[in-house]
Amino acid sequence: MIHPSAIVSPTAKIGNEVEIGAYSIIGDHVTIGDGTWIGAHVVIDPFVTIGPGCRIFQFAAIGAIPQDLKFGGEESYVKIGANVTVREFVTIHRGTEPGGGVTEVGDKSFLMAYTHIAHDCHVGKMVVMANNSTLAGHITIGDFASVGGLVAIHQFVRVGDYAFVGGKSAVVKDVPPYVIAAGDRAVLHGLNRVGLKRHGFSEQALAALKKTYRILFRYGLTLNEAISRVRAEVELVPEVENFISFIKASERGITR
């Protein structure tokens, strides 16, 4: 069902049972999956793919060219997964060639009003981004992470799986998985125990993560020393291995 005032490019591919509201604009080479609902006054620029079952509210703008002085007009993309909610005034920009050319949002993510996702960001599945949270370019947000309201995250920062970033934080270094980070500049405040329990983590995994966190961040060791001690003293459940792998792969440094 497409409102008569909506403008839809003839090159757009519209799935079954899609609803497009009044005065919305769907650009060239856009693909919209089955059952997606698009409200009034939404702008979806070229080279955007939106999965099935999404809900995109009024005045959202998806697929604009990136705010990057190096952008040369190349073809680049936005890819949004299935069952994603995009609330009012959300902005999501296309990728750039140096950054891989794609900005992605994973399945079942929830982007609250005024969220901004810049070029070449990769947002995992079931991520929650609260009002006015802002991602600069080249950021990776892990699966099931939560980003609080008024949070600003620096370029090239990674936020790990199941991490929680508290509201009004400025994040300039990588935030490991499974933890809480908050503040300006953000610091760690322990494991995200409430979130981990809600997601069904076992007591075995929680105990191993707690011990890992203490060794890494409370004993005054260098990261290399701490990782060696974790491998020697902690049960290496998959969650601990993920924790260690994330830290070892950091290029910006780890929030402590």
Protein backbone atom coordinates (compact mmCIF):
# COMPACT_ATOMS: atom_id res chain seq x y z
CA MET A 1 0.00 0.00 0.00
CA ILE A 2 1.73 3.15 -1.24
CA HIS A 3 0.24 6.55 -0.45
CA PRO A 4 -0.52 8.58 -3.60
CA SER A 5 1.76 11.41 -2.43
CA ALA A 6 4.79 9.12 -1.99
CA ILE A 7 7.49 9.17 -4.67
CA VAL A 8 8.91 5.75 -5.50
CA SER A 9 11.66 5.27 -8.08
CA PRO A 10 10.82 2.84 -10.89
CA THR A 11 14.11 1.07 -10.16
CA ALA A 12 13.15 0.39 -6.53
CA LYS A 13 12.19 -3.19 -5.63
CA ILE A 14 9.24 -3.24 -3.24
CA GLY A 15 8.30 -6.51 -1.52
CA ASN A 16 4.87 -7.89 -0.72
CA GLU A 17 2.62 -6.17 1.82
CA VAL A 18 4.88 -3.12 2.11
CA GLU A 19 3.27 0.10 3.30
CA ILE A 20 4.77 3.50 2.35
CA GLY A 21 3.32 6.58 4.00
CA ALA A 22 2.47 10.05 2.75
CA TYR A 23 5.22 12.20 1.20
CA SER A 24 7.91 9.57 1.63
CA ILE A 25 10.60 9.30 -1.05
CA ILE A 26 12.13 6.00 -2.14
CA GLY A 27 15.21 6.47 -4.34
CA ASP A 28 16.87 4.52 -7.12
CA HIS A 29 18.07 0.98 -6.55
CA VAL A 30 16.38 0.63 -3.16
CA THR A 31 15.15 -2.78 -2.05
CA ILE A 32 12.45 -3.08 0.63
CA GLY A 33 11.61 -6.48 2.08
CA ASP A 34 8.19 -8.04 2.57
CA GLY A 35 5.95 -6.61 5.27
CA THR A 36 8.02 -3.52 6.02
CA TRP A 37 6.12 -0.43 7.15
CA ILE A 38 7.44 3.03 6.25
CA GLY A 39 5.75 6.05 7.79
CA ALA A 40 5.21 9.53 6.42
CA HIS A 41 8.00 11.89 5.32
CA VAL A 42 10.71 9.21 5.26
CA VAL A 43 13.58 9.61 2.78
CA ILE A 44 15.41 6.50 1.58
CA ASP A 45 18.21 7.42 -0.80
CA PRO A 46 19.78 5.17 -3.46
CA PHE A 47 21.58 1.89 -2.80
CA VAL A 48 19.73 0.99 0.40
CA THR A 49 18.54 -2.54 1.18
CA ILE A 50 15.95 -2.96 3.94
CA GLY A 51 14.98 -6.40 5.16
CA PRO A 52 11.51 -7.80 5.84
CA GLY A 53 9.35 -6.79 8.76
CA CYS A 54 11.03 -3.46 9.49
CA ARG A 55 9.27 -0.39 10.92
CA ILE A 56 10.61 3.01 9.85
CA PHE A 57 8.99 6.03 11.45
CA GLN A 58 8.39 9.53 10.18
CA PHE A 59 11.27 11.80 9.17
CA ALA A 60 13.92 9.07 9.22
CA ALA A 61 16.62 9.55 6.56
CA ILE A 62 18.47 6.47 5.33
CA GLY A 63 21.22 6.24 2.74
CA ALA A 64 22.40 9.83 2.41
CA ILE A 65 25.97 10.30 1.23
CA PRO A 66 28.50 10.18 4.06
CA GLN A 67 29.75 13.21 5.96
CA ASP A 68 33.32 12.42 4.95
CA LEU A 69 35.56 14.85 3.08
CA LYS A 70 37.29 11.91 1.39
CA PHE A 71 34.06 10.66 -0.18
CA GLY A 72 34.39 10.82 -3.96
CA GLY A 73 30.86 10.05 -5.06
CA GLU A 74 31.46 6.30 -5.39
CA GLU A 75 28.61 3.80 -5.25
CA SER A 76 28.24 2.59 -1.68
CA TYR A 77 25.51 1.03 0.39
CA VAL A 78 23.34 0.77 3.49
CA LYS A 79 22.09 -2.67 4.48
CA ILE A 80 19.43 -3.07 7.16
CA GLY A 81 18.45 -6.51 8.40
CA ALA A 82 15.07 -8.00 9.23
CA ASN A 83 12.63 -6.70 11.84
CA VAL A 84 14.60 -3.55 12.60
CA THR A 85 12.83 -0.59 14.22
CA VAL A 86 13.97 2.87 13.10
CA ARG A 87 12.30 5.66 15.07
CA GLU A 88 11.77 9.33 14.27
CA PHE A 89 14.61 11.43 12.81
CA VAL A 90 17.13 8.58 12.72
CA THR A 91 19.92 9.12 10.16
CA ILE A 92 21.99 6.34 8.59
CA HIS A 93 24.66 7.17 6.01
CA ARG A 94 26.16 5.14 3.19
CA GLY A 95 29.65 3.67 3.39
CA THR A 96 32.85 4.85 1.72
CA GLU A 97 35.29 2.99 -0.49
CA PRO A 98 38.17 3.14 2.06
CA GLY A 99 35.86 1.79 4.76
CA GLY A 100 34.52 -1.13 2.74
CA GLY A 101 31.59 0.67 1.16
CA VAL A 102 28.81 -0.61 3.43
CA THR A 103 27.02 0.62 6.54
CA GLU A 104 25.10 -2.22 8.21
CA VAL A 105 22.42 -2.66 10.87
CA GLY A 106 21.69 -6.20 12.05
CA ASP A 107 18.42 -8.03 12.55
CA LYS A 108 15.98 -6.94 15.27
CA SER A 109 17.95 -3.87 16.26
CA PHE A 110 16.06 -0.95 17.80
CA LEU A 111 17.19 2.57 16.89
CA MET A 112 15.42 5.17 19.00
CA ALA A 113 14.69 8.75 17.93
CA TYR A 114 17.55 10.92 16.63
CA THR A 115 20.08 8.09 16.54
CA HIS A 116 22.87 8.72 14.03
CA ILE A 117 24.87 5.92 12.37
CA ALA A 118 27.71 7.29 10.25
CA HIS A 119 29.49 5.80 7.26
CA ASP A 120 31.04 2.33 7.40
CA CYS A 121 29.56 1.44 10.79
CA HIS A 122 28.59 -2.16 11.50
CA VAL A 123 25.82 -2.56 14.08
CA GLY A 124 25.12 -6.12 15.16
CA LYS A 125 21.85 -7.92 15.71
CA MET A 126 19.44 -7.04 18.53
CA VAL A 127 21.34 -3.86 19.38
CA VAL A 128 19.49 -1.10 21.24
CA MET A 129 20.55 2.49 20.63
CA ALA A 130 18.72 5.02 22.78
CA ASN A 131 17.70 8.57 21.85
CA ASN A 132 20.42 10.85 20.44
CA SER A 133 23.13 8.19 20.52
CA THR A 134 25.74 8.95 17.88
CA LEU A 135 28.21 6.73 16.04
CA ALA A 136 31.07 8.35 14.15
CA GLY A 137 32.52 6.54 11.14
CA HIS A 138 33.98 3.04 11.07
CA ILE A 139 32.48 1.89 14.38
CA THR A 140 31.54 -1.70 15.19
CA ILE A 141 28.80 -2.49 17.72
CA GLY A 142 28.56 -6.14 18.76
CA ASP A 143 25.45 -8.29 18.96
CA PHE A 144 23.03 -7.61 21.84
CA ALA A 145 24.88 -4.46 22.92
CA SER A 146 23.04 -1.45 24.36
CA VAL A 147 24.05 2.18 23.84
CA GLY A 148 22.45 4.74 26.14
CA GLY A 149 20.99 8.12 25.29
CA LEU A 150 23.26 11.05 24.36
CA VAL A 151 26.26 8.73 23.93
CA ALA A 152 28.98 9.77 21.47
CA ILE A 153 31.40 7.12 20.20
CA HIS A 154 34.68 8.03 18.49
CA GLN A 155 35.69 6.84 15.03
CA PHE A 156 37.05 3.28 14.73
CA VAL A 157 35.95 2.28 18.25
CA ARG A 158 34.54 -1.20 18.81
CA VAL A 159 31.88 -2.09 21.39
CA GLY A 160 31.73 -5.79 22.20
CA ASP A 161 28.83 -8.24 22.37
CA TYR A 162 26.40 -7.76 25.27
CA ALA A 163 28.17 -4.59 26.44
CA PHE A 164 26.20 -1.72 27.97
CA VAL A 165 27.27 1.90 27.45
CA GLY A 166 25.61 4.22 29.95
CA GLY A 167 23.87 7.43 28.93
CA LYS A 168 25.72 10.68 28.24
CA SER A 169 29.04 8.89 27.81
CA ALA A 170 31.94 9.79 25.52
CA VAL A 171 33.65 6.62 24.33
CA VAL A 172 37.12 6.98 22.81
CA LYS A 173 38.53 3.45 23.25
CA ASP A 174 37.22 -0.06 22.65
CA VAL A 175 34.65 -1.37 25.14
CA PRO A 176 35.09 -5.12 25.75
CA PRO A 177 32.16 -7.53 25.54
CA TYR A 178 29.97 -8.26 28.57
CA VAL A 179 30.85 -5.08 30.53
CA ILE A 180 29.32 -1.78 31.58
CA ALA A 181 31.08 1.42 30.49
CA ALA A 182 30.05 4.96 31.33
CA GLY A 183 31.39 8.47 31.83
CA ASP A 184 33.24 11.24 30.04
CA ARG A 185 35.66 9.73 29.16
CA ALA A 186 34.06 6.33 29.60
CA VAL A 187 35.52 3.91 32.14
CA LEU A 188 34.48 0.38 33.05
CA HIS A 189 32.09 -0.33 35.92
CA GLY A 190 32.15 -4.13 36.04
CA LEU A 191 30.27 -6.84 34.20
CA ASN A 192 26.85 -6.24 32.69
CA ARG A 193 25.45 -8.87 35.04
CA VAL A 194 21.80 -7.88 34.70
CA GLY A 195 21.98 -7.98 30.91
CA LEU A 196 23.87 -11.27 30.88
CA LYS A 197 21.34 -12.92 33.19
CA ARG A 198 18.47 -11.65 31.06
CA HIS A 199 20.10 -13.27 28.04
CA GLY A 200 20.37 -16.60 29.84
CA PHE A 201 24.11 -16.82 30.53
CA SER A 202 24.94 -19.80 32.74
CA GLU A 203 26.34 -19.45 36.25
CA GLN A 204 29.49 -21.16 34.95
CA ALA A 205 29.96 -18.50 32.28
CA LEU A 206 29.19 -15.66 34.70
CA ALA A 207 31.71 -16.95 37.24
CA ALA A 208 34.41 -17.31 34.59
CA LEU A 209 33.74 -13.83 33.21
CA LYS A 210 33.83 -12.32 36.70
CA LYS A 211 37.24 -13.83 37.39
CA THR A 212 38.48 -12.79 33.95
CA TYR A 213 37.35 -9.21 34.51
CA ARG A 214 39.12 -9.01 37.88
CA ILE A 215 42.39 -10.29 36.49
CA LEU A 216 42.28 -8.01 33.48
CA PHE A 217 41.25 -4.80 35.17
CA ARG A 218 41.70 -5.00 38.95
CA TYR A 219 45.13 -6.54 39.53
CA GLY A 220 47.28 -3.79 38.02
CA LEU A 221 48.76 -6.06 35.36
CA THR A 222 49.60 -5.20 31.78
CA LEU A 223 47.09 -6.65 29.34
CA ASN A 224 49.56 -9.25 28.12
CA GLU A 225 50.35 -10.33 31.68
CA ALA A 226 46.65 -10.42 32.52
CA ILE A 227 45.75 -12.49 29.45
CA SER A 228 48.45 -15.04 30.32
CA ARG A 229 47.12 -15.27 33.86
CA VAL A 230 43.54 -15.68 32.64
CA ARG A 231 44.59 -18.57 30.40
CA ALA A 232 46.34 -20.20 33.35
CA GLU A 233 43.69 -19.67 36.03
CA VAL A 234 40.23 -19.33 34.43
CA GLU A 235 38.04 -21.93 32.80
CA LEU A 236 38.23 -21.05 29.11
CA VAL A 237 34.53 -21.13 28.29
CA PRO A 238 33.60 -19.58 24.90
CA GLU A 239 32.68 -16.27 26.53
CA VAL A 240 36.15 -15.94 28.07
CA GLU A 241 37.79 -16.77 24.74
CA ASN A 242 35.64 -14.08 23.08
CA PHE A 243 36.68 -11.58 25.78
CA ILE A 244 40.37 -12.31 25.24
CA SER A 245 40.13 -12.31 21.45
CA PHE A 246 38.41 -8.91 21.49
CA ILE A 247 41.14 -7.39 23.63
CA LYS A 248 43.98 -8.85 21.58
CA ALA A 249 42.45 -7.47 18.38
CA SER A 250 42.16 -3.90 19.72
CA GLU A 251 43.89 -1.16 17.75
CA ARG A 252 42.57 1.91 19.59
CA GLY A 253 43.26 0.52 23.06
CA ILE A 254 40.88 -0.81 25.69
CA THR A 255 38.67 1.19 28.04
CA ARG A 256 40.02 0.44 31.53
